[in-house]
Amino acid sequence: MKKKDLIPIIAQHNPLLANAVCRMVDYIQDRWAAPYPSKEQTDAVNAYLRSVHADGDGTMSENNIAHRRIATQKITISAIRVLDHDQLDRLQDVLNRIAADRKYHMPEQRYGMGR
């Protein structure tokens, strides 16, 4: 199955999950992917995690991180039809890092005069 066929199916039931799957599949399938996902990709995952109440009380305690990791598995499961085994492993690894650190993304480029 192709991503363009899968995302509308997921979006019918959960648009935030569809957005997270779409952005993370794009990141994983990118041949020259950056070592970190973009801020938009991380924000899509965090929005989905908030929507399923995986943040608990908002602190990054071990218990809340565990809940976030469990919730990210739904993103990986949803991407099974699109990604191969190695890509799924890489996806879950990146999602686990986002679960442990809400700001796990590529630093934004600042343009301007440096001093």
Protein backbone atom coordinates (compact mmCIF):
# COMPACT_ATOMS: atom_id res chain seq x y z
CA MET A 1 0.00 0.00 0.00
CA LYS A 2 1.18 3.50 -0.73
CA LYS A 3 1.20 6.40 1.72
CA LYS A 4 -1.21 8.41 -0.44
CA ASP A 5 -3.77 5.58 -0.10
CA LEU A 6 -3.22 4.93 3.61
CA ILE A 7 -3.37 8.46 5.03
CA PRO A 8 -6.99 9.23 3.92
CA ILE A 9 -8.15 5.95 5.48
CA ILE A 10 -6.52 6.83 8.81
CA ALA A 11 -7.77 10.44 8.57
CA GLN A 12 -11.38 9.26 8.48
CA HIS A 13 -10.99 7.92 12.02
CA ASN A 14 -8.25 10.09 13.54
CA PRO A 15 -6.90 13.14 11.67
CA LEU A 16 -4.13 13.81 14.23
CA LEU A 17 -2.87 10.23 13.91
CA ALA A 18 -2.99 10.55 10.11
CA ASN A 19 -0.93 13.75 10.27
CA ALA A 20 1.65 12.15 12.58
CA VAL A 21 1.92 9.03 10.40
CA CYS A 22 2.21 11.13 7.23
CA ARG A 23 4.96 13.35 8.59
CA MET A 24 6.96 10.53 10.17
CA VAL A 25 6.70 8.29 7.09
CA ASP A 26 8.02 11.21 5.03
CA TYR A 27 10.93 11.59 7.47
CA ILE A 28 11.77 7.86 7.50
CA GLN A 29 11.48 7.43 3.72
CA ASP A 30 13.62 10.47 2.95
CA ARG A 31 16.84 9.18 1.40
CA TRP A 32 18.90 11.99 2.85
CA ALA A 33 17.03 12.41 6.10
CA ALA A 34 18.49 14.67 8.74
CA PRO A 35 19.64 13.02 11.96
CA TYR A 36 16.62 14.55 13.72
CA PRO A 37 13.03 15.07 12.57
CA SER A 38 11.92 18.62 11.83
CA LYS A 39 10.02 20.72 14.36
CA GLU A 40 6.82 20.21 12.35
CA GLN A 41 7.26 16.43 12.39
CA THR A 42 7.90 16.41 16.15
CA ASP A 43 4.94 18.75 16.71
CA ALA A 44 2.65 16.39 14.76
CA VAL A 45 3.66 13.48 17.00
CA ASN A 46 3.26 15.58 20.16
CA ALA A 47 -0.20 16.75 19.02
CA TYR A 48 -1.29 13.14 18.57
CA LEU A 49 0.13 12.18 21.98
CA ARG A 50 -1.75 15.05 23.63
CA SER A 51 -4.96 14.00 21.86
CA VAL A 52 -4.80 10.51 23.40
CA HIS A 53 -3.91 11.97 26.83
CA ALA A 54 -0.51 10.25 26.89
CA ASP A 55 1.08 13.23 28.67
CA GLY A 56 -0.59 12.51 32.00
CA ASP A 57 0.02 15.48 34.29
CA GLY A 58 2.39 17.17 31.82
CA THR A 59 5.63 16.32 33.61
CA MET A 60 8.24 14.14 31.95
CA SER A 61 8.29 11.54 34.71
CA GLU A 62 9.31 7.96 33.92
CA ASN A 63 5.68 6.91 34.09
CA ASN A 64 4.56 9.59 31.62
CA ILE A 65 7.45 8.79 29.27
CA ALA A 66 6.39 5.13 29.35
CA HIS A 67 2.81 6.12 28.49
CA ARG A 68 4.07 8.31 25.64
CA ARG A 69 6.21 5.43 24.27
CA ILE A 70 3.25 3.07 24.36
CA ALA A 71 1.07 5.64 22.56
CA THR A 72 3.71 6.14 19.83
CA GLN A 73 3.40 2.45 18.94
CA LYS A 74 0.04 3.27 17.34
CA ILE A 75 1.91 5.49 14.86
CA THR A 76 4.29 2.64 14.06
CA ILE A 77 1.45 0.13 13.75
CA SER A 78 -0.38 2.46 11.38
CA ALA A 79 2.72 2.71 9.18
CA ILE A 80 3.22 -1.08 8.86
CA ARG A 81 1.68 -1.24 5.38
CA VAL A 82 3.97 1.49 4.07
CA LEU A 83 7.40 0.85 5.65
CA ASP A 84 9.69 -2.17 5.60
CA HIS A 85 11.10 -3.85 8.73
CA ASP A 86 14.23 -1.70 9.03
CA GLN A 87 12.26 1.49 8.45
CA LEU A 88 9.74 0.48 11.13
CA ASP A 89 12.58 -0.12 13.60
CA ARG A 90 14.05 3.29 12.81
CA LEU A 91 10.61 4.92 13.10
CA GLN A 92 9.98 3.42 16.54
CA ASP A 93 13.46 4.46 17.67
CA VAL A 94 12.81 8.08 16.64
CA LEU A 95 9.34 7.99 18.22
CA ASN A 96 10.81 6.69 21.48
CA ARG A 97 13.19 9.65 21.51
CA ILE A 98 10.31 12.07 20.89
CA ALA A 99 8.39 10.35 23.71
CA ALA A 100 11.29 11.02 26.08
CA ASP A 101 11.96 14.56 24.85
CA ARG A 102 9.12 16.73 23.49
CA LYS A 103 11.66 19.03 21.84
CA TYR A 104 13.56 16.28 19.99
CA HIS A 105 13.93 17.95 16.59
CA MET A 106 16.45 19.58 14.34
CA PRO A 107 17.57 22.95 15.74
CA GLU A 108 16.09 25.80 13.74
CA GLN A 109 18.43 27.73 11.49
CA ARG A 110 18.85 31.32 12.51
CA TYR A 111 19.63 33.80 9.79
CA GLY A 112 21.00 37.21 10.44
CA MET A 113 24.15 38.95 11.44
CA GLY A 114 26.31 36.99 13.82
CA ARG A 115 28.42 38.80 16.35
